[in-house]
Amino acid sequence: MGNSKNGVSRREFLKKAGGAAALCAGAAFIPGISLANDSANLFSGQAVNADMDILITNGLIYDGSLNEPMIADIGIIKDKIVAIGKITGKAGKTIDAAGFIVTPGFIDVHTHCDLTWSRAGYMRALSHVMPSWKGNYNYISQGVTSVVTGNCGMGYADADYWLKIIEGLDFGSNVYHLAPHGAIREEMFGTEVRPVLSTAQLDNLKARFADEMSKGTVGFSSGLGYAPGVYTSTEEIIAIAKVVKNYGGLYATHIRDESGAIMPSGLPGDVESIKEAIEIGKRAEIPVQISHLKIACPINGLKSETILGLIEKARSEGLTVHADQYPYAAGSTTISILLPAEFLSSSGIKDIYKTKEGQKSVKAAIIKVFEFLPPEKTLITLDEKTPSNEGKTLLDISRETGKSPEDVYVGMVCESESPVGVFFDQDESVVKSLMPRDYVMTASDGFTIPKDMLKPHPRLYGTFPRKIRKYVFDEKVIGLKEAIVSMTSLPAEKFRLKGRGRIAEGNFADIAVIDLNTVKDCATYTNPHQYSKGIEYLLVNGVVSIDKGGFTAKRGGKAVRKG
């Protein structure tokens, strides 16, 4: 490892670790000691002499807490960490981590990895033969060992069905699932708009969520910016949340509005929506997770301190409320999201708006949107009808076709399935101001993507390394220990992912070995299919999935059901 202007030089590394190395020399891990305690208490004065399946030596360990890092060996047998300290004895494989840091495998609590299968149709069979697909390469190349699916009220309504798919693949990452409100509601009651369910319907819906929780889901999610969530009452969500709370689950929400647009109440949409999430949490007495925290345009002067203040006040009053965030100033979803709620259906927009008369209303609505989000700020990433549009902005397509940007949009949003786009709709300064809070986790809001398919948001390939390179080292927005906590122990504790998120004796051997000199995201908006760099080794449940920076094609992921 050579010197690096933006990374950590060997001299700096050894200087920082010198005292820790002396402490750890000849030390063994003491079972039963929590890593929340002072790091000096983790080791005794005796060495461990035992044979290991895998031995990671000489690495600077960031254990997933805010403790100071220290150099030690990690011994692994099967899928568990069995010893930490000075370890002698034979090993089936030894990884020399000198000059690198060693962290818990990263946990992404907000993904849509399940949508890759649920929306792939007959092509989902390819997941069995494509290494990048079944290996979840775009995630493991970031150091991600566990993902949570079923977010935003979307995904597989039946947890058993989805998790059996994962079990049949020997997937590259661990998978936990949330019961998705929107998908379950539509499966039970269809796509017809039903703002209020009958008493019997609501009872049946609550029973269904109890059933999904009994299958091992970690909680439930809502997508209140999408149909049918956009038409769903707060009272319905509270009723479901009370059921889920009884099973020890949490509530994760894509809130109704993530912008500074002024609502009829006079409040910015972001403020009104976060207040609703907090109300649900308080009334149901359930932990709340606010998904992909942001302020999207129109910002209208809304400050990050305002939305953070709402969260912090709720936390001070005893509500367990956290958020997650992707480290980009652009979001991505179906382009129908740009329209007001009354236009939306589960596949894009309602059929009534696809008629000649209805399209006039769509056109009028999008012209208003273009006033704060001009057509050059929307990049198409998936268009099943016209794949040649992928990688182009609405303005690009307008110029190519000779149509106005609003006519281009109307034509696309009226397709049977609304295309997906990237929206450059946020302020970088807000992204930075949200990031350092100790209740904000790192998450991609991405999905499993086979190599070179579509033109997705670069966050699918770069989220976690980007946060380390850009926001820890280059711009110093957040400290390294704090960033690692946001990727490991914080999500594990909030989502109750037992045995993960910390390097500790008895925990699962989900471990990343990272070169801080080279770690970086490589994916861009115009060239997204580029794997991140700097993850030298990655273990998933003790299976070496990345070795010396390359994929091994070995997969250690598990479909995990909450106990």
Protein backbone atom coordinates (compact mmCIF):
# COMPACT_ATOMS: atom_id res chain seq x y z
CA MET A 1 0.00 0.00 0.00
CA GLY A 2 1.67 3.18 -1.17
CA ASN A 3 1.18 6.77 -0.13
CA SER A 4 -2.11 8.37 -1.10
CA LYS A 5 -3.05 12.03 -1.11
CA ASN A 6 -6.68 11.30 -0.26
CA GLY A 7 -6.34 7.97 1.52
CA VAL A 8 -4.34 6.69 4.47
CA SER A 9 -0.61 6.20 4.01
CA ARG A 10 1.18 3.21 5.50
CA ARG A 11 3.01 5.55 7.88
CA GLU A 12 -0.26 7.18 9.04
CA PHE A 13 -1.90 3.79 9.38
CA LEU A 14 0.89 2.38 11.56
CA LYS A 15 1.12 5.54 13.63
CA LYS A 16 -2.60 5.42 14.38
CA ALA A 17 -2.54 1.71 15.12
CA GLY A 18 0.73 1.51 17.04
CA GLY A 19 -0.71 1.76 20.54
CA ALA A 20 -3.49 -0.66 19.67
CA ALA A 21 -1.01 -3.18 18.33
CA ALA A 22 0.87 -3.16 21.59
CA LEU A 23 -2.36 -3.67 23.50
CA CYS A 24 -3.41 -6.56 21.29
CA ALA A 25 -0.13 -8.44 21.20
CA GLY A 26 -0.72 -11.90 22.61
CA ALA A 27 -4.34 -11.08 23.44
CA ALA A 28 -7.38 -13.31 23.17
CA PHE A 29 -11.04 -12.41 22.91
CA ILE A 30 -13.02 -12.80 26.09
CA PRO A 31 -16.41 -14.35 25.31
CA GLY A 32 -19.44 -12.51 26.58
CA ILE A 33 -17.99 -9.00 26.59
CA SER A 34 -20.06 -6.51 24.59
CA LEU A 35 -18.30 -4.41 22.01
CA ALA A 36 -20.18 -1.45 23.41
CA ASN A 37 -17.67 -1.52 26.28
CA ASP A 38 -14.26 0.09 26.16
CA SER A 39 -12.10 -1.65 23.58
CA ALA A 40 -9.29 -2.34 26.07
CA ASN A 41 -11.66 -4.65 27.94
CA LEU A 42 -12.12 -6.92 24.95
CA PHE A 43 -8.79 -8.70 25.32
CA SER A 44 -7.01 -10.77 27.93
CA GLY A 45 -3.28 -11.42 28.15
CA GLN A 46 -3.37 -14.92 26.66
CA ALA A 47 -3.09 -16.03 23.05
CA VAL A 48 -5.50 -18.37 21.30
CA ASN A 49 -3.88 -21.48 19.88
CA ALA A 50 -6.49 -23.24 17.77
CA ASP A 51 -7.10 -24.28 14.19
CA MET A 52 -9.36 -22.07 12.11
CA ASP A 53 -11.12 -22.40 8.79
CA ILE A 54 -10.17 -18.79 7.99
CA LEU A 55 -7.75 -16.49 9.76
CA ILE A 56 -7.65 -12.76 9.08
CA THR A 57 -4.38 -11.33 10.39
CA ASN A 58 -2.85 -7.91 11.04
CA GLY A 59 -5.84 -5.81 10.02
CA LEU A 60 -6.92 -2.61 11.74
CA ILE A 61 -10.35 -3.57 13.07
CA TYR A 62 -13.22 -1.13 13.14
CA ASP A 63 -15.63 -3.32 15.05
CA GLY A 64 -18.84 -1.45 14.15
CA SER A 65 -18.86 0.67 17.30
CA LEU A 66 -17.34 4.07 18.03
CA ASN A 67 -14.46 2.39 19.85
CA GLU A 68 -10.97 3.19 18.63
CA PRO A 69 -9.78 0.67 16.02
CA MET A 70 -7.04 -1.81 16.87
CA ILE A 71 -4.88 -4.38 15.14
CA ALA A 72 -5.82 -7.99 15.89
CA ASP A 73 -6.40 -11.35 14.24
CA ILE A 74 -9.88 -12.75 13.59
CA GLY A 75 -10.50 -16.49 13.67
CA ILE A 76 -13.44 -17.98 11.79
CA ILE A 77 -14.90 -21.49 11.89
CA LYS A 78 -17.73 -22.23 9.47
CA ASP A 79 -19.99 -19.14 9.46
CA LYS A 80 -18.99 -17.65 12.82
CA ILE A 81 -16.29 -15.49 14.33
CA VAL A 82 -14.84 -17.60 17.14
CA ALA A 83 -11.82 -15.61 18.32
CA ILE A 84 -10.32 -12.13 18.12
CA GLY A 85 -6.80 -11.31 19.30
CA LYS A 86 -3.41 -12.96 18.76
CA ILE A 87 -4.28 -16.30 17.19
CA THR A 88 -1.84 -19.11 16.47
CA GLY A 89 -2.57 -22.48 14.96
CA LYS A 90 -3.34 -23.73 11.48
CA ALA A 91 -5.88 -22.16 9.12
CA GLY A 92 -7.45 -23.45 5.95
CA LYS A 93 -7.06 -19.94 4.52
CA THR A 94 -5.14 -16.97 5.86
CA ILE A 95 -5.93 -13.42 4.76
CA ASP A 96 -3.15 -10.95 5.47
CA ALA A 97 -4.95 -7.67 6.11
CA ALA A 98 -1.85 -5.65 6.98
CA GLY A 99 -2.32 -2.09 5.76
CA PHE A 100 -6.08 -2.55 5.40
CA ILE A 101 -9.04 -1.91 7.67
CA VAL A 102 -11.40 -4.70 8.66
CA THR A 103 -15.06 -3.91 9.24
CA PRO A 104 -18.34 -5.74 9.64
CA GLY A 105 -20.01 -6.40 6.30
CA PHE A 106 -22.20 -3.47 5.34
CA ILE A 107 -25.98 -3.68 5.76
CA ASP A 108 -28.31 -1.95 3.31
CA VAL A 109 -31.72 -1.60 4.93
CA HIS A 110 -33.37 0.07 1.96
CA THR A 111 -33.15 -1.94 -1.24
CA HIS A 112 -35.53 -3.19 -3.90
CA CYS A 113 -33.51 -6.28 -4.75
CA ASP A 114 -36.72 -8.31 -4.85
CA LEU A 115 -38.12 -6.19 -7.69
CA THR A 116 -35.43 -7.58 -9.97
CA TRP A 117 -37.23 -10.92 -9.81
CA SER A 118 -40.83 -9.82 -9.43
CA ARG A 119 -40.67 -7.57 -12.50
CA ALA A 120 -38.35 -9.63 -14.71
CA GLY A 121 -41.05 -11.95 -16.05
CA TYR A 122 -39.71 -15.06 -17.79
CA MET A 123 -36.23 -13.52 -17.75
CA ARG A 124 -35.96 -14.25 -14.02
CA ALA A 125 -34.79 -17.74 -15.01
CA LEU A 126 -31.52 -16.11 -16.05
CA SER A 127 -30.74 -15.42 -12.40
CA HIS A 128 -29.71 -19.06 -12.07
CA VAL A 129 -27.03 -18.82 -14.75
CA MET A 130 -25.76 -15.23 -14.52
CA PRO A 131 -23.03 -14.90 -11.84
CA SER A 132 -23.50 -11.15 -11.47
CA TRP A 133 -27.22 -11.64 -10.83
CA LYS A 134 -27.25 -14.53 -8.39
CA GLY A 135 -24.04 -13.30 -6.80
CA ASN A 136 -25.50 -9.80 -6.24
CA TYR A 137 -22.19 -8.45 -7.49
CA ASN A 138 -23.24 -4.81 -7.62
CA TYR A 139 -23.80 -4.99 -3.85
CA ILE A 140 -21.01 -7.26 -2.65
CA SER A 141 -18.50 -5.18 -4.62
CA GLN A 142 -19.49 -2.33 -2.27
CA GLY A 143 -18.86 -4.46 0.82
CA VAL A 144 -22.58 -5.11 1.37
CA THR A 145 -23.28 -8.51 2.93
CA SER A 146 -26.96 -8.06 3.93
CA VAL A 147 -29.90 -6.36 2.24
CA VAL A 148 -33.46 -5.64 3.34
CA THR A 149 -36.17 -5.97 0.68
CA GLY A 150 -39.90 -5.19 0.52
CA ASN A 151 -39.38 -1.45 0.90
CA CYS A 152 -41.70 1.40 -0.15
CA GLY A 153 -44.72 -0.91 0.06
CA MET A 154 -43.43 -2.78 -2.99
CA GLY A 155 -42.10 -6.23 -3.71
CA TYR A 156 -43.20 -9.74 -2.88
CA ALA A 157 -46.41 -9.88 -0.87
CA ASP A 158 -45.61 -13.43 0.29
CA ALA A 159 -42.35 -13.58 2.25
CA ASP A 160 -42.15 -17.37 1.99
CA TYR A 161 -42.35 -17.25 -1.80
CA TRP A 162 -39.61 -14.64 -2.07
CA LEU A 163 -37.24 -16.14 0.47
CA LYS A 164 -37.54 -19.56 -1.16
CA ILE A 165 -36.34 -17.99 -4.40
CA ILE A 166 -33.27 -16.75 -2.54
CA GLU A 167 -32.71 -20.13 -0.91
CA GLY A 168 -32.86 -21.81 -4.31
CA LEU A 169 -30.17 -19.52 -5.68
CA ASP A 170 -27.61 -19.57 -2.87
CA PHE A 171 -27.67 -15.81 -3.23
CA GLY A 172 -24.61 -13.61 -2.80
CA SER A 173 -26.02 -11.61 0.13
CA ASN A 174 -28.14 -12.22 3.19
CA VAL A 175 -31.74 -11.17 2.60
CA TYR A 176 -34.25 -9.91 5.15
CA HIS A 177 -37.75 -8.89 4.11
CA LEU A 178 -40.36 -6.30 5.06
CA ALA A 179 -44.04 -7.02 4.45
CA PRO A 180 -44.96 -4.47 1.74
CA HIS A 181 -48.24 -2.69 2.43
CA GLY A 182 -49.00 -1.64 -1.15
CA ALA A 183 -48.35 -5.04 -2.70
CA ILE A 184 -50.36 -6.88 -0.06
CA ARG A 185 -53.26 -4.43 -0.24
CA GLU A 186 -53.50 -4.75 -4.02
CA GLU A 187 -53.22 -8.52 -3.90
CA MET A 188 -56.15 -8.65 -1.49
CA PHE A 189 -58.39 -5.88 -2.84
CA GLY A 190 -57.25 -5.17 -6.40
CA THR A 191 -56.12 -1.94 -8.01
CA GLU A 192 -59.39 -0.08 -7.60
CA VAL A 193 -58.94 3.02 -5.46
CA ARG A 194 -60.18 2.23 -1.94
CA PRO A 195 -59.27 5.11 0.39
CA VAL A 196 -61.18 3.51 3.25
CA LEU A 197 -61.56 -0.23 3.79
CA SER A 198 -64.60 -1.75 5.44
CA THR A 199 -64.22 -3.13 8.95
CA ALA A 200 -64.11 -6.68 7.58
CA GLN A 201 -61.56 -5.76 4.93
CA LEU A 202 -59.32 -4.06 7.47
CA ASP A 203 -59.56 -7.05 9.80
CA ASN A 204 -58.55 -9.34 6.94
CA LEU A 205 -55.64 -7.04 6.07
CA LYS A 206 -54.45 -7.01 9.67
CA ALA A 207 -54.64 -10.81 9.79
CA ARG A 208 -52.56 -10.98 6.62
CA PHE A 209 -49.83 -8.83 8.15
CA ALA A 210 -49.85 -11.01 11.26
CA ASP A 211 -49.32 -13.99 8.96
CA GLU A 212 -46.42 -12.29 7.15
CA MET A 213 -44.79 -11.40 10.46
CA SER A 214 -45.08 -15.02 11.56
CA LYS A 215 -43.09 -15.95 8.44
CA GLY A 216 -40.14 -13.96 9.74
CA THR A 217 -40.41 -10.53 8.20
CA VAL A 218 -38.62 -7.79 10.15
CA GLY A 219 -41.50 -5.34 9.92
CA PHE A 220 -43.64 -3.71 7.27
CA SER A 221 -43.22 -0.88 4.80
CA SER A 222 -45.47 1.68 3.20
CA GLY A 223 -45.10 3.62 -0.03
CA LEU A 224 -47.34 6.60 0.63
CA GLY A 225 -46.11 8.41 -2.47
CA TYR A 226 -47.32 5.57 -4.71
CA ALA A 227 -50.66 3.93 -5.38
CA PRO A 228 -52.32 2.42 -3.41
CA GLY A 229 -50.46 3.98 -0.48
CA VAL A 230 -51.14 7.48 -1.72
CA TYR A 231 -54.88 6.84 -1.24
CA THR A 232 -54.52 5.04 2.08
CA SER A 233 -55.51 6.70 5.34
CA THR A 234 -53.22 7.27 8.28
CA GLU A 235 -55.66 5.27 10.41
CA GLU A 236 -55.20 2.18 8.23
CA ILE A 237 -51.42 2.32 8.59
CA ILE A 238 -51.73 2.74 12.36
CA ALA A 239 -54.02 -0.29 12.58
CA ILE A 240 -51.47 -2.45 10.73
CA ALA A 241 -48.59 -0.99 12.72
CA LYS A 242 -50.23 -2.08 15.97
CA VAL A 243 -50.32 -5.66 14.69
CA VAL A 244 -46.72 -5.59 13.50
CA LYS A 245 -45.57 -4.08 16.79
CA ASN A 246 -46.89 -7.15 18.62
CA TYR A 247 -44.39 -9.26 16.64
CA GLY A 248 -41.44 -7.01 17.43
CA GLY A 249 -41.36 -5.50 13.95
CA LEU A 250 -40.78 -1.95 12.77
CA TYR A 251 -42.45 0.46 10.36
CA ALA A 252 -40.42 1.71 7.37
CA THR A 253 -42.01 4.39 5.25
CA HIS A 254 -41.61 6.16 1.96
CA ILE A 255 -43.45 9.22 3.20
CA ARG A 256 -46.25 10.92 1.24
CA ASP A 257 -44.22 13.87 0.03
CA GLU A 258 -40.47 14.44 0.17
CA SER A 259 -40.40 18.00 -1.17
CA GLY A 260 -40.85 21.55 -0.02
CA ALA A 261 -44.10 21.88 -1.97
CA ILE A 262 -46.70 23.72 0.10
CA MET A 263 -49.66 21.53 1.03
CA PRO A 264 -53.27 22.70 1.64
CA SER A 265 -52.38 22.71 5.34
CA GLY A 266 -49.81 25.42 4.63
CA LEU A 267 -46.93 23.12 5.59
CA PRO A 268 -44.21 21.87 3.26
CA GLY A 269 -44.95 18.34 2.07
CA ASP A 270 -41.80 16.95 3.71
CA VAL A 271 -42.76 18.43 7.08
CA GLU A 272 -46.37 17.26 6.92
CA SER A 273 -45.28 13.76 5.87
CA ILE A 274 -42.63 13.33 8.55
CA LYS A 275 -45.17 14.45 11.12
CA GLU A 276 -47.51 11.73 9.87
CA ALA A 277 -44.78 9.08 10.19
CA ILE A 278 -44.07 10.21 13.74
CA GLU A 279 -47.78 10.18 14.61
CA ILE A 280 -48.05 6.60 13.34
CA GLY A 281 -45.06 5.59 15.43
CA LYS A 282 -46.38 7.20 18.59
CA ARG A 283 -49.92 5.93 18.31
CA ALA A 284 -48.88 2.38 17.43
CA GLU A 285 -45.85 2.48 19.77
CA ILE A 286 -43.73 1.05 16.97
CA PRO A 287 -40.16 1.91 15.86
CA VAL A 288 -40.16 4.09 12.72
CA GLN A 289 -37.72 4.15 9.82
CA ILE A 290 -37.99 7.11 7.43
CA SER A 291 -36.78 5.91 4.06
CA HIS A 292 -34.34 7.86 1.86
CA LEU A 293 -34.50 11.08 3.86
CA LYS A 294 -34.21 14.12 1.59
CA ILE A 295 -35.64 17.44 0.50
CA ALA A 296 -36.65 17.17 -3.15
CA CYS A 297 -37.62 20.12 -5.30
CA PRO A 298 -39.49 22.34 -5.18
CA ILE A 299 -37.46 23.13 -2.09
CA ASN A 300 -39.12 26.51 -1.45
CA GLY A 301 -36.56 27.45 1.17
CA LEU A 302 -37.19 24.40 3.36
CA LYS A 303 -34.15 23.82 5.57
CA SER A 304 -32.75 20.47 6.62
CA GLU A 305 -32.75 21.68 10.23
CA THR A 306 -36.54 21.82 10.10
CA ILE A 307 -37.07 18.17 9.19
CA LEU A 308 -34.21 17.02 11.42
CA GLY A 309 -35.76 18.98 14.28
CA LEU A 310 -39.00 17.02 13.92
CA ILE A 311 -37.12 13.73 14.14
CA GLU A 312 -34.97 14.82 17.05
CA LYS A 313 -37.95 16.11 19.02
CA ALA A 314 -39.71 12.75 18.55
CA ARG A 315 -36.56 10.92 19.65
CA SER A 316 -36.29 13.10 22.74
CA GLU A 317 -39.88 12.15 23.56
CA GLY A 318 -39.04 8.45 23.46
CA LEU A 319 -39.95 7.38 19.92
CA THR A 320 -37.42 5.09 18.26
CA VAL A 321 -37.21 6.87 14.93
CA HIS A 322 -34.33 6.70 12.46
CA ALA A 323 -33.79 7.46 8.81
CA ASP A 324 -31.67 6.24 5.93
CA GLN A 325 -30.05 8.20 3.13
CA TYR A 326 -28.27 7.59 -0.16
CA PRO A 327 -25.19 9.80 -0.74
CA TYR A 328 -26.35 11.36 -4.00
CA ALA A 329 -28.26 14.52 -4.92
CA ALA A 330 -30.48 12.65 -7.37
CA GLY A 331 -33.25 10.13 -6.80
CA SER A 332 -34.79 7.49 -9.02
CA THR A 333 -38.20 5.92 -9.47
CA THR A 334 -41.00 5.75 -12.03
CA ILE A 335 -41.54 9.02 -13.91
CA SER A 336 -45.22 9.00 -12.93
CA ILE A 337 -44.10 10.16 -9.47
CA LEU A 338 -43.80 13.66 -10.94
CA LEU A 339 -47.58 13.93 -11.22
CA PRO A 340 -50.04 14.82 -8.44
CA ALA A 341 -51.48 11.95 -6.40
CA GLU A 342 -54.84 11.88 -8.15
CA PHE A 343 -53.19 10.74 -11.39
CA LEU A 344 -51.42 7.69 -9.96
CA SER A 345 -52.07 3.97 -10.34
CA SER A 346 -49.93 0.98 -9.41
CA SER A 347 -48.57 0.70 -12.97
CA GLY A 348 -48.06 4.41 -13.54
CA ILE A 349 -51.13 6.56 -14.14
CA LYS A 350 -54.84 5.79 -14.24
CA ASP A 351 -56.33 4.69 -17.56
CA ILE A 352 -58.63 7.72 -17.62
CA TYR A 353 -55.56 9.92 -18.07
CA LYS A 354 -54.35 7.87 -21.02
CA THR A 355 -57.30 8.96 -23.14
CA LYS A 356 -57.05 11.89 -25.52
CA GLU A 357 -58.87 14.15 -23.07
CA GLY A 358 -57.01 12.78 -20.06
CA GLN A 359 -53.66 13.45 -21.67
CA LYS A 360 -54.48 17.16 -21.71
CA SER A 361 -54.58 17.08 -17.91
CA VAL A 362 -51.28 15.17 -17.75
CA LYS A 363 -49.68 17.73 -20.07
CA ALA A 364 -50.90 20.66 -18.02
CA ALA A 365 -49.61 19.05 -14.81
CA ILE A 366 -46.14 18.25 -16.16
CA ILE A 367 -45.71 21.76 -17.57
CA LYS A 368 -46.07 23.02 -13.99
CA VAL A 369 -43.49 20.47 -12.81
CA PHE A 370 -41.03 21.61 -15.49
CA GLU A 371 -41.05 25.04 -13.84
CA PHE A 372 -38.97 23.64 -10.95
CA LEU A 373 -37.62 20.41 -12.48
CA PRO A 374 -36.83 21.15 -16.14
CA PRO A 375 -36.77 18.27 -18.66
CA GLU A 376 -32.97 18.12 -18.74
CA LYS A 377 -33.12 17.08 -15.06
CA THR A 378 -34.91 13.78 -15.76
CA LEU A 379 -32.75 10.95 -17.15
CA ILE A 380 -34.56 7.83 -18.39
CA THR A 381 -33.05 4.60 -17.04
CA LEU A 382 -35.68 2.00 -18.00
CA ASP A 383 -38.18 2.18 -20.85
CA GLU A 384 -39.53 -1.24 -21.81
CA LYS A 385 -41.38 0.08 -24.86
CA THR A 386 -38.49 2.13 -26.27
CA PRO A 387 -35.16 0.94 -24.80
CA SER A 388 -33.29 3.42 -27.00
CA ASN A 389 -34.56 6.16 -24.66
CA GLU A 390 -32.49 4.75 -21.80
CA GLY A 391 -29.55 6.95 -20.88
CA LYS A 392 -31.20 10.06 -22.32
CA THR A 393 -32.93 13.01 -20.70
CA LEU A 394 -36.43 14.14 -21.59
CA LEU A 395 -34.79 17.09 -23.32
CA ASP A 396 -32.51 14.79 -25.34
CA ILE A 397 -35.51 12.75 -26.49
CA SER A 398 -37.41 15.94 -27.28
CA ARG A 399 -34.63 17.14 -29.57
CA GLU A 400 -34.31 13.75 -31.27
CA THR A 401 -38.01 13.36 -31.94
CA GLY A 402 -38.94 16.97 -32.62
CA LYS A 403 -41.65 16.80 -29.96
CA SER A 404 -41.99 19.18 -27.04
CA PRO A 405 -40.63 17.87 -23.70
CA GLU A 406 -44.16 17.78 -22.28
CA ASP A 407 -45.43 15.72 -25.22
CA VAL A 408 -42.49 13.35 -24.80
CA TYR A 409 -43.38 12.92 -21.13
CA VAL A 410 -47.07 12.37 -21.82
CA GLY A 411 -46.31 9.70 -24.42
CA MET A 412 -43.97 7.86 -22.07
CA VAL A 413 -46.05 8.04 -18.89
CA CYS A 414 -49.06 6.69 -20.79
CA GLU A 415 -47.25 3.43 -21.58
CA SER A 416 -48.59 0.27 -19.94
CA GLU A 417 -45.77 0.44 -17.39
CA SER A 418 -44.38 3.85 -16.50
CA PRO A 419 -40.68 4.20 -17.40
CA VAL A 420 -38.11 4.73 -14.65
CA GLY A 421 -35.96 7.82 -14.43
CA VAL A 422 -33.25 9.54 -12.42
CA PHE A 423 -34.28 12.97 -11.13
CA PHE A 424 -31.66 15.58 -10.33
CA ASP A 425 -33.97 17.13 -7.79
CA GLN A 426 -31.92 17.77 -4.65
CA ASP A 427 -29.38 20.22 -3.25
CA GLU A 428 -25.96 18.79 -2.42
CA SER A 429 -25.71 20.99 0.67
CA VAL A 430 -28.83 19.31 2.09
CA VAL A 431 -27.41 15.86 1.39
CA LYS A 432 -24.33 16.82 3.40
CA SER A 433 -26.27 18.34 6.28
CA LEU A 434 -28.41 15.23 6.78
CA MET A 435 -25.53 12.75 6.65
CA PRO A 436 -23.66 13.21 9.97
CA ARG A 437 -26.65 12.67 12.26
CA ASP A 438 -26.14 9.59 14.40
CA TYR A 439 -29.63 8.28 13.58
CA VAL A 440 -29.14 8.38 9.79
CA MET A 441 -28.07 5.11 8.14
CA THR A 442 -26.47 4.55 4.76
CA ALA A 443 -28.72 2.91 2.16
CA SER A 444 -28.81 2.68 -1.62
CA ASP A 445 -32.51 2.56 -2.55
CA GLY A 446 -31.23 0.34 -5.36
CA PHE A 447 -31.76 -3.17 -6.64
CA THR A 448 -29.82 -6.19 -7.82
CA ILE A 449 -28.73 -5.50 -11.38
CA PRO A 450 -27.19 -7.99 -13.81
CA LYS A 451 -24.04 -6.52 -15.34
CA ASP A 452 -24.69 -4.17 -18.27
CA MET A 453 -28.50 -4.40 -18.13
CA LEU A 454 -30.40 -1.10 -18.34
CA LYS A 455 -28.95 2.31 -17.41
CA PRO A 456 -29.58 2.46 -13.66
CA HIS A 457 -28.77 5.07 -11.05
CA PRO A 458 -25.07 4.74 -10.04
CA ARG A 459 -26.11 4.18 -6.43
CA LEU A 460 -26.72 0.54 -7.36
CA TYR A 461 -22.95 0.16 -7.70
CA GLY A 462 -21.40 2.91 -5.62
CA THR A 463 -23.32 3.96 -2.51
CA PHE A 464 -21.10 2.66 0.29
CA PRO A 465 -17.62 3.28 -1.19
CA ARG A 466 -18.82 6.71 -2.34
CA LYS A 467 -19.73 7.70 1.18
CA ILE A 468 -16.29 6.67 2.42
CA ARG A 469 -14.28 8.26 -0.37
CA LYS A 470 -16.25 11.43 -1.06
CA TYR A 471 -17.82 12.28 2.26
CA VAL A 472 -15.31 10.87 4.76
CA PHE A 473 -11.98 11.60 3.09
CA ASP A 474 -12.47 14.13 0.31
CA GLU A 475 -15.05 16.43 1.90
CA LYS A 476 -14.80 15.43 5.57
CA VAL A 477 -18.55 15.58 6.14
CA ILE A 478 -18.54 12.58 8.49
CA GLY A 479 -15.85 10.66 10.36
CA LEU A 480 -14.77 7.18 9.30
CA LYS A 481 -15.94 5.48 12.50
CA GLU A 482 -19.27 7.23 12.29
CA ALA A 483 -19.71 6.30 8.62
CA ILE A 484 -18.95 2.66 9.38
CA VAL A 485 -21.46 2.64 12.25
CA SER A 486 -24.10 4.02 9.85
CA MET A 487 -23.43 1.03 7.59
CA THR A 488 -23.13 -1.74 10.20
CA SER A 489 -24.22 -1.72 13.84
CA LEU A 490 -26.84 1.04 13.56
CA PRO A 491 -28.93 -0.75 10.91
CA ALA A 492 -28.36 -4.14 12.58
CA GLU A 493 -29.62 -2.86 15.92
CA LYS A 494 -32.59 -0.97 14.50
CA PHE A 495 -33.78 -3.86 12.33
CA ARG A 496 -32.84 -6.45 15.00
CA LEU A 497 -30.58 -8.43 12.69
CA LYS A 498 -29.11 -10.78 15.28
CA GLY A 499 -25.44 -11.60 15.04
CA ARG A 500 -24.67 -8.98 12.40
CA GLY A 501 -23.32 -5.45 12.26
CA ARG A 502 -20.38 -5.97 14.66
CA ILE A 503 -17.12 -7.85 14.66
CA ALA A 504 -17.57 -9.86 17.83
CA GLU A 505 -17.01 -13.40 18.99
CA GLY A 506 -20.10 -15.49 18.20
CA ASN A 507 -21.35 -13.19 15.45
CA PHE A 508 -21.68 -14.25 11.83
CA ALA A 509 -18.53 -13.88 9.76
CA ASP A 510 -19.79 -11.07 7.55
CA ILE A 511 -16.54 -9.15 7.14
CA ALA A 512 -15.08 -6.61 4.73
CA VAL A 513 -11.35 -5.99 4.31
CA ILE A 514 -10.91 -2.57 2.73
CA ASP A 515 -8.00 -0.64 1.24
CA LEU A 516 -8.64 2.95 2.23
CA ASN A 517 -6.16 4.17 -0.37
CA THR A 518 -8.16 2.77 -3.28
CA VAL A 519 -11.74 2.56 -2.04
CA LYS A 520 -14.01 4.56 -4.32
CA ASP A 521 -17.17 4.43 -6.37
CA CYS A 522 -16.66 4.21 -10.13
CA ALA A 523 -20.25 4.22 -11.40
CA THR A 524 -21.54 7.40 -13.05
CA TYR A 525 -24.92 8.51 -14.37
CA THR A 526 -23.79 7.99 -17.95
CA ASN A 527 -21.75 4.85 -17.28
CA PRO A 528 -23.31 3.18 -14.24
CA HIS A 529 -22.16 -0.44 -14.74
CA GLN A 530 -18.80 -0.05 -13.03
CA TYR A 531 -17.95 -1.97 -9.88
CA SER A 532 -16.54 -0.06 -6.94
CA LYS A 533 -12.90 -0.44 -5.93
CA GLY A 534 -11.17 -1.02 -2.63
CA ILE A 535 -13.01 -4.04 -1.24
CA GLU A 536 -10.06 -6.41 -1.13
CA TYR A 537 -11.81 -9.27 0.63
CA LEU A 538 -15.44 -9.92 1.53
CA LEU A 539 -16.80 -12.75 3.64
CA VAL A 540 -20.50 -13.56 3.76
CA ASN A 541 -21.25 -16.06 6.54
CA GLY A 542 -17.64 -17.18 6.34
CA VAL A 543 -17.68 -17.67 2.56
CA VAL A 544 -14.98 -15.69 0.75
CA SER A 545 -16.93 -13.92 -1.99
CA ILE A 546 -14.22 -11.41 -2.92
CA ASP A 547 -10.55 -12.39 -2.80
CA LYS A 548 -7.78 -9.91 -3.61
CA GLY A 549 -10.35 -7.60 -5.17
CA GLY A 550 -11.89 -10.20 -7.49
CA PHE A 551 -15.13 -12.17 -7.38
CA THR A 552 -14.70 -15.82 -6.40
CA ALA A 553 -18.18 -16.91 -7.62
CA LYS A 554 -18.71 -18.41 -4.15
CA ARG A 555 -21.94 -17.33 -2.50
CA GLY A 556 -22.63 -17.35 1.22
CA GLY A 557 -25.88 -15.44 1.48
CA LYS A 558 -28.89 -16.71 3.39
CA ALA A 559 -32.59 -16.00 3.35
CA VAL A 560 -33.01 -14.91 6.95
CA ARG A 561 -36.23 -15.01 8.89
CA LYS A 562 -36.57 -12.99 12.05
CA GLY A 563 -36.68 -15.26 15.08
